[in-house]
Amino acid sequence: MGEEREDPQKIKRIAAAAYDYDNDARWADYWSNILIPPNISSRADVVNHFKRKFYQRYIDPDLVVEPMSINSSSQPAQFLGASSNTSASTSDRARPRSSGSTTRTSGTSSTAGPNATSVRWDRQTIQFSVNAWVFVVAVLAVFPLVPKSLANRAYRLSFMGTACSSLYSLYSLYGKPRAWNMQALQVYFQSIIATKDFLYFIYCLTFVSSHLCLKFALIPILCRALEHVAKFLRQNFSRSTLYRKYLEDACVWVESNTTTLSILSSHAEIGVGFLLIISLLSWQRNIIQTFMYWQLLKLMYNAPVTAGYHHSVWTKIGRTVNPLQQRYAPFLNSPIAAVQRWWFR
């Protein structure tokens, strides 16, 4: 009996070890969004542990990933324990408070710090609640039959909710600066400036206070909220009858097409940049907002989490526009060269 239970897991572990992670764009995105202390980020056992967690999340949810313990320092141990979502002492505390959650918490393993599971569970629940709310509000904002006043309010609330969600995620993963001086702030911002949460936070700030209403700018917000909601539902409600009947196919599609959603978001982000340039010709023009947004696009072009998608879009734009510009508007060569020097600087 014991061998029959172990053989399927052994086969799954072999399949997870043999999976081609380097050719899966989702793995690069997953790995870049994990906060790992520098002193253990290059260890093979740590990388293999997160590869198995990635395989469990995106390929085979039935794979059992054992918790990982690190004996080097308290901070790495606490982090890896939280990432593995395992804490026996926390599940013991959770039983008296909520009898309905006994089955869910008692299934966790027992190697992490005292509050790792409860903190991570609370963070996931908060993020799910906010992103589900953002998704509903954003759909209201773009739905054509919604009154204009309600749609405009939903439009701004979508950006505000996403900004709060991104800021909370940054605080949960990176905390706050060690000190409120210039050197500490510089180190802190260098650690978060290339993360997807920071990019979305700045993205939302450029629109939440603007009088210009671009519904097209909600596409990246909808894609982000959809990814968070689908991932949470699949991880926590996979055994629910309601989920299996109505939501499983949609959630599986979303999690297996994160690359497609990222490409769609990058197209929308660059398209919004050109719409802001066109808006400079209208009475709603905002030169500061346009300049700030193109600085953000420049940052997205260089940030590892978005660079690949933005490079692909700009390559397509260049293939289409450059021949037309050389043929019909060669006098634009000098201005375009100046813009390119600023872009690649």
Protein backbone atom coordinates (compact mmCIF):
# COMPACT_ATOMS: atom_id res chain seq x y z
CA MET A 1 0.00 0.00 0.00
CA GLY A 2 2.78 2.45 0.89
CA GLU A 3 4.66 1.72 -2.32
CA GLU A 4 1.54 2.25 -4.40
CA ARG A 5 1.16 5.72 -2.93
CA GLU A 6 4.80 6.61 -3.43
CA ASP A 7 5.21 5.39 -7.02
CA PRO A 8 2.95 8.04 -8.63
CA GLN A 9 4.74 10.82 -6.73
CA LYS A 10 8.12 9.41 -7.74
CA ILE A 11 7.09 9.48 -11.38
CA LYS A 12 5.77 13.02 -10.99
CA ARG A 13 9.06 14.17 -9.38
CA ILE A 14 11.02 12.64 -12.26
CA ALA A 15 8.77 14.42 -14.76
CA ALA A 16 9.17 17.69 -12.87
CA ALA A 17 12.97 17.33 -12.88
CA ALA A 18 13.00 16.58 -16.62
CA TYR A 19 10.73 19.49 -17.57
CA ASP A 20 12.29 22.09 -19.87
CA TYR A 21 11.99 25.20 -17.69
CA ASP A 22 14.34 27.34 -19.80
CA ASN A 23 11.98 27.27 -22.79
CA ASP A 24 8.90 28.09 -20.72
CA ALA A 25 8.43 31.88 -20.52
CA ARG A 26 6.25 31.44 -17.43
CA TRP A 27 9.21 30.08 -15.46
CA ALA A 28 11.29 33.22 -16.06
CA ASP A 29 8.38 35.38 -14.95
CA TYR A 30 7.72 33.16 -11.91
CA TRP A 31 11.39 33.10 -10.85
CA SER A 32 11.86 36.86 -11.26
CA ASN A 33 8.96 37.58 -8.88
CA ILE A 34 10.31 35.44 -6.03
CA LEU A 35 12.22 37.23 -3.30
CA ILE A 36 15.24 35.08 -2.45
CA PRO A 37 18.11 36.14 -0.19
CA PRO A 38 21.26 36.60 -2.30
CA ASN A 39 23.32 34.17 -0.23
CA ILE A 40 21.11 31.21 -1.21
CA SER A 41 19.71 32.25 -4.60
CA SER A 42 22.42 30.31 -6.47
CA ARG A 43 22.02 27.07 -4.53
CA ALA A 44 20.87 24.17 -6.68
CA ASP A 45 18.56 22.73 -4.03
CA VAL A 46 16.77 26.08 -3.65
CA VAL A 47 16.32 26.49 -7.41
CA ASN A 48 15.10 22.90 -7.76
CA HIS A 49 12.62 23.43 -4.91
CA PHE A 50 11.01 26.40 -6.65
CA LYS A 51 11.07 24.56 -9.97
CA ARG A 52 8.98 21.83 -8.36
CA LYS A 53 6.60 24.46 -6.96
CA PHE A 54 6.34 26.00 -10.42
CA TYR A 55 5.63 22.57 -11.91
CA GLN A 56 2.97 21.97 -9.27
CA ARG A 57 1.30 25.30 -9.97
CA TYR A 58 1.30 25.32 -13.77
CA ILE A 59 1.75 21.72 -14.95
CA ASP A 60 0.65 19.13 -12.39
CA PRO A 61 -1.30 20.31 -9.29
CA ASP A 62 -1.18 16.77 -7.86
CA LEU A 63 2.60 16.88 -7.40
CA VAL A 64 3.47 16.96 -3.70
CA VAL A 65 6.27 19.45 -2.96
CA GLU A 66 7.98 18.78 0.31
CA PRO A 67 8.86 21.78 2.51
CA MET A 68 12.43 22.99 2.53
CA SER A 69 14.42 23.93 5.60
CA ILE A 70 17.52 26.14 5.57
CA ASN A 71 19.92 26.18 8.51
CA SER A 72 22.00 29.18 7.47
CA SER A 73 20.19 32.14 8.99
CA SER A 74 16.80 33.03 10.38
CA GLN A 75 15.79 35.28 7.50
CA PRO A 76 16.26 32.76 4.66
CA ALA A 77 14.60 30.05 6.73
CA GLN A 78 11.62 32.25 7.40
CA PHE A 79 11.33 33.20 3.75
CA LEU A 80 11.51 29.69 2.38
CA GLY A 81 9.10 28.49 5.00
CA ALA A 82 6.61 31.14 3.96
CA SER A 83 7.10 30.29 0.29
CA SER A 84 6.46 26.60 0.95
CA ASN A 85 3.25 27.49 2.81
CA THR A 86 3.94 25.04 5.65
CA SER A 87 3.52 25.61 9.36
CA ALA A 88 2.25 23.06 11.81
CA SER A 89 2.20 25.39 14.78
CA THR A 90 0.09 27.90 12.86
CA SER A 91 -2.40 25.25 11.83
CA ASP A 92 -2.68 24.15 15.45
CA ARG A 93 -3.53 27.71 16.45
CA ALA A 94 -6.03 28.03 13.62
CA ARG A 95 -8.19 25.10 14.73
CA PRO A 96 -9.79 26.68 17.82
CA ARG A 97 -10.55 29.91 15.97
CA SER A 98 -12.36 28.44 12.99
CA SER A 99 -13.75 24.94 12.87
CA GLY A 100 -14.62 25.35 9.20
CA SER A 101 -10.97 25.81 8.19
CA THR A 102 -9.64 22.81 10.17
CA THR A 103 -9.47 20.51 7.16
CA ARG A 104 -7.61 23.05 5.03
CA THR A 105 -5.00 24.09 7.59
CA SER A 106 -4.41 20.63 9.03
CA GLY A 107 -3.15 19.42 5.65
CA THR A 108 -0.04 21.59 5.78
CA SER A 109 3.41 20.32 6.69
CA SER A 110 5.44 21.35 9.70
CA THR A 111 8.80 22.97 9.12
CA ALA A 112 8.26 26.73 8.79
CA GLY A 113 8.31 29.57 11.27
CA PRO A 114 5.46 30.11 13.70
CA ASN A 115 3.40 32.58 11.66
CA ALA A 116 4.43 31.79 8.09
CA THR A 117 1.24 30.10 6.86
CA SER A 118 -1.22 32.48 8.46
CA VAL A 119 0.60 35.57 7.16
CA ARG A 120 0.85 34.17 3.64
CA TRP A 121 -2.76 33.00 3.69
CA ASP A 122 -3.94 36.40 4.88
CA ARG A 123 -1.89 38.13 2.17
CA GLN A 124 -3.26 35.85 -0.54
CA THR A 125 -6.84 36.35 0.65
CA ILE A 126 -6.47 40.13 0.73
CA GLN A 127 -4.91 40.17 -2.72
CA PHE A 128 -7.67 37.94 -4.08
CA SER A 129 -10.39 40.13 -2.58
CA VAL A 130 -8.89 43.35 -3.94
CA ASN A 131 -8.20 41.96 -7.41
CA ALA A 132 -11.64 40.36 -7.67
CA TRP A 133 -13.14 43.74 -6.77
CA VAL A 134 -10.88 45.47 -9.32
CA PHE A 135 -11.93 43.01 -12.03
CA VAL A 136 -15.65 43.60 -11.40
CA VAL A 137 -15.22 47.38 -11.26
CA ALA A 138 -13.08 47.44 -14.41
CA VAL A 139 -15.71 45.42 -16.29
CA LEU A 140 -18.30 47.98 -15.21
CA ALA A 141 -16.04 50.76 -16.48
CA VAL A 142 -15.76 49.28 -19.98
CA PHE A 143 -19.30 47.91 -20.29
CA PRO A 144 -21.09 50.12 -22.85
CA LEU A 145 -24.53 50.10 -21.17
CA VAL A 146 -23.30 51.48 -17.84
CA PRO A 147 -24.15 55.19 -17.24
CA LYS A 148 -21.25 57.51 -18.01
CA SER A 149 -20.92 58.91 -14.47
CA LEU A 150 -20.81 55.40 -12.96
CA ALA A 151 -18.38 54.18 -15.63
CA ASN A 152 -16.01 57.10 -15.00
CA ARG A 153 -16.05 56.46 -11.27
CA ALA A 154 -15.46 52.74 -11.82
CA TYR A 155 -12.58 53.67 -14.17
CA ARG A 156 -10.75 55.58 -11.43
CA LEU A 157 -11.58 53.02 -8.75
CA SER A 158 -9.99 50.31 -10.90
CA PHE A 159 -6.68 52.15 -10.95
CA MET A 160 -6.91 52.98 -7.25
CA GLY A 161 -7.58 49.35 -6.34
CA THR A 162 -4.71 48.06 -8.47
CA ALA A 163 -2.36 50.69 -7.02
CA CYS A 164 -3.31 49.61 -3.48
CA SER A 165 -2.89 45.95 -4.38
CA SER A 166 0.56 46.55 -5.91
CA LEU A 167 1.68 48.67 -2.96
CA TYR A 168 0.51 46.03 -0.48
CA SER A 169 2.33 43.32 -2.45
CA LEU A 170 5.54 45.36 -2.42
CA TYR A 171 5.24 45.89 1.33
CA SER A 172 4.56 42.19 1.94
CA LEU A 173 7.56 41.04 -0.10
CA TYR A 174 10.11 43.78 0.53
CA GLY A 175 8.91 45.49 3.70
CA LYS A 176 9.87 49.11 4.21
CA PRO A 177 13.24 50.86 3.92
CA ARG A 178 15.65 50.13 6.76
CA ALA A 179 16.08 53.86 7.37
CA TRP A 180 14.59 57.07 6.02
CA ASN A 181 17.79 58.53 4.63
CA MET A 182 18.90 58.96 1.04
CA GLN A 183 21.24 55.95 0.97
CA ALA A 184 18.70 53.51 2.45
CA LEU A 185 15.94 54.78 0.16
CA GLN A 186 18.20 54.40 -2.85
CA VAL A 187 19.01 50.80 -1.96
CA TYR A 188 15.34 50.05 -1.33
CA PHE A 189 14.12 51.51 -4.61
CA GLN A 190 16.87 49.74 -6.54
CA SER A 191 15.51 46.45 -5.19
CA ILE A 192 11.88 47.10 -6.22
CA ILE A 193 12.10 49.35 -9.28
CA ALA A 194 12.25 46.47 -11.76
CA THR A 195 9.44 44.41 -10.18
CA LYS A 196 6.07 44.05 -11.86
CA ASP A 197 4.21 45.35 -8.80
CA PHE A 198 6.18 48.61 -8.80
CA LEU A 199 5.62 49.06 -12.54
CA TYR A 200 1.87 48.60 -12.13
CA PHE A 201 1.86 50.97 -9.16
CA ILE A 202 3.43 53.75 -11.24
CA TYR A 203 1.17 52.84 -14.17
CA CYS A 204 -1.92 53.37 -12.03
CA LEU A 205 -0.65 56.61 -10.53
CA THR A 206 -0.31 58.16 -13.99
CA PHE A 207 -4.05 57.67 -14.65
CA VAL A 208 -5.79 57.86 -11.29
CA SER A 209 -5.34 61.64 -11.04
CA SER A 210 -5.72 62.43 -14.73
CA HIS A 211 -8.80 64.08 -16.26
CA LEU A 212 -8.25 62.07 -19.43
CA CYS A 213 -10.35 58.87 -19.48
CA LEU A 214 -8.75 56.17 -21.65
CA LYS A 215 -10.74 52.94 -21.30
CA PHE A 216 -8.04 51.24 -23.39
CA ALA A 217 -5.67 51.65 -20.43
CA LEU A 218 -7.78 49.21 -18.39
CA ILE A 219 -6.64 46.20 -20.45
CA PRO A 220 -3.42 45.61 -18.42
CA ILE A 221 -5.43 46.10 -15.21
CA LEU A 222 -7.99 43.49 -16.28
CA CYS A 223 -5.27 41.02 -17.29
CA ARG A 224 -3.44 41.41 -13.98
CA ALA A 225 -6.60 41.02 -11.90
CA LEU A 226 -7.69 38.01 -13.94
CA GLU A 227 -4.35 36.25 -13.37
CA HIS A 228 -4.46 36.82 -9.60
CA VAL A 229 -8.08 35.69 -9.26
CA ALA A 230 -7.63 32.56 -11.39
CA LYS A 231 -4.48 31.52 -9.53
CA PHE A 232 -6.12 31.93 -6.12
CA LEU A 233 -9.26 30.03 -7.12
CA ARG A 234 -7.32 27.14 -8.57
CA GLN A 235 -5.04 26.86 -5.56
CA ASN A 236 -7.73 27.07 -2.88
CA PHE A 237 -11.01 25.89 -4.44
CA SER A 238 -9.89 23.11 -6.77
CA ARG A 239 -12.00 20.56 -4.85
CA SER A 240 -15.13 22.73 -4.79
CA THR A 241 -18.05 21.44 -6.84
CA LEU A 242 -19.04 24.96 -7.86
CA TYR A 243 -15.49 25.69 -9.02
CA ARG A 244 -15.20 22.45 -11.01
CA LYS A 245 -18.55 23.03 -12.69
CA TYR A 246 -18.34 26.71 -13.64
CA LEU A 247 -14.84 28.12 -13.13
CA GLU A 248 -12.26 25.38 -13.66
CA ASP A 249 -11.99 25.64 -17.45
CA ALA A 250 -11.66 29.42 -17.35
CA CYS A 251 -9.06 29.36 -14.57
CA VAL A 252 -7.03 26.64 -16.29
CA TRP A 253 -7.09 28.64 -19.52
CA VAL A 254 -5.92 31.80 -17.76
CA GLU A 255 -3.04 30.04 -15.98
CA SER A 256 -1.93 28.27 -19.15
CA ASN A 257 -2.06 31.48 -21.21
CA THR A 258 -0.27 33.95 -18.93
CA THR A 259 2.20 34.65 -21.73
CA THR A 260 -0.66 35.58 -24.06
CA LEU A 261 -2.10 37.92 -21.43
CA SER A 262 1.32 39.51 -20.91
CA ILE A 263 1.69 40.09 -24.65
CA LEU A 264 -1.79 41.63 -24.75
CA SER A 265 -0.90 43.88 -21.82
CA SER A 266 2.33 45.04 -23.48
CA HIS A 267 0.46 45.90 -26.69
CA ALA A 268 -2.06 47.90 -24.68
CA GLU A 269 0.62 49.69 -22.65
CA ILE A 270 2.47 50.84 -25.75
CA GLY A 271 -0.78 51.73 -27.50
CA VAL A 272 -1.74 53.95 -24.56
CA GLY A 273 1.55 55.79 -24.99
CA PHE A 274 0.65 56.72 -28.56
CA LEU A 275 -2.89 57.67 -27.51
CA LEU A 276 -1.41 60.09 -24.96
CA ILE A 277 0.67 61.68 -27.72
CA ILE A 278 -2.45 62.08 -29.86
CA SER A 279 -4.30 63.57 -26.87
CA LEU A 280 -1.78 66.43 -26.83
CA LEU A 281 -3.70 67.81 -29.79
CA SER A 282 -6.94 68.00 -27.77
CA TRP A 283 -8.09 70.28 -24.95
CA GLN A 284 -7.56 67.40 -22.49
CA ARG A 285 -3.84 67.30 -23.14
CA ASN A 286 -1.50 66.72 -20.23
CA ILE A 287 2.15 67.15 -21.14
CA ILE A 288 3.46 66.06 -17.73
CA GLN A 289 1.40 62.87 -17.73
CA THR A 290 2.54 62.02 -21.26
CA PHE A 291 6.19 62.55 -20.39
CA MET A 292 5.90 60.50 -17.19
CA TYR A 293 4.15 57.68 -19.01
CA TRP A 294 6.83 57.46 -21.68
CA GLN A 295 9.44 57.35 -18.93
CA LEU A 296 7.49 54.38 -17.54
CA LEU A 297 7.46 52.73 -20.98
CA LYS A 298 11.21 53.20 -21.11
CA LEU A 299 11.50 51.49 -17.72
CA MET A 300 9.24 48.64 -18.90
CA TYR A 301 11.45 48.25 -21.96
CA ASN A 302 14.46 47.59 -19.71
CA ALA A 303 12.86 45.78 -16.74
CA PRO A 304 13.46 41.99 -16.92
CA VAL A 305 9.82 41.09 -16.13
CA THR A 306 8.44 43.08 -19.08
CA ALA A 307 11.42 43.59 -21.41
CA GLY A 308 10.83 40.51 -23.57
CA TYR A 309 7.22 41.38 -24.31
CA HIS A 310 7.93 45.07 -25.00
CA HIS A 311 10.90 44.24 -27.24
CA SER A 312 8.63 42.00 -29.31
CA VAL A 313 5.99 44.72 -29.73
CA TRP A 314 8.50 47.43 -30.63
CA THR A 315 10.12 45.09 -33.17
CA LYS A 316 6.75 44.59 -34.87
CA ILE A 317 6.14 48.35 -34.87
CA GLY A 318 9.56 48.97 -36.40
CA ARG A 319 8.99 46.43 -39.17
CA THR A 320 5.74 48.13 -40.11
CA VAL A 321 6.56 51.81 -39.63
CA ASN A 322 10.21 52.09 -40.74
CA PRO A 323 9.63 51.26 -44.45
CA LEU A 324 6.69 53.65 -44.62
CA GLN A 325 8.63 56.41 -42.89
CA GLN A 326 11.66 55.96 -45.17
CA ARG A 327 9.43 56.06 -48.23
CA TYR A 328 6.96 58.83 -47.43
CA ALA A 329 8.55 60.90 -44.65
CA PRO A 330 12.35 60.76 -44.83
CA PHE A 331 12.51 64.23 -43.23
CA LEU A 332 11.63 62.55 -39.91
CA ASN A 333 14.97 60.71 -39.78
CA SER A 334 16.62 63.32 -37.57
CA PRO A 335 13.77 63.63 -35.00
CA ILE A 336 13.42 59.84 -34.80
CA ALA A 337 17.17 59.45 -34.29
CA ALA A 338 17.05 61.97 -31.44
CA VAL A 339 14.15 60.10 -29.81
CA GLN A 340 16.02 56.82 -30.16
CA ARG A 341 19.12 58.29 -28.49
CA TRP A 342 16.96 59.35 -25.53
CA TRP A 343 15.20 55.97 -25.44
CA PHE A 344 18.39 53.88 -25.34
CA ARG A 345 20.30 56.24 -23.05
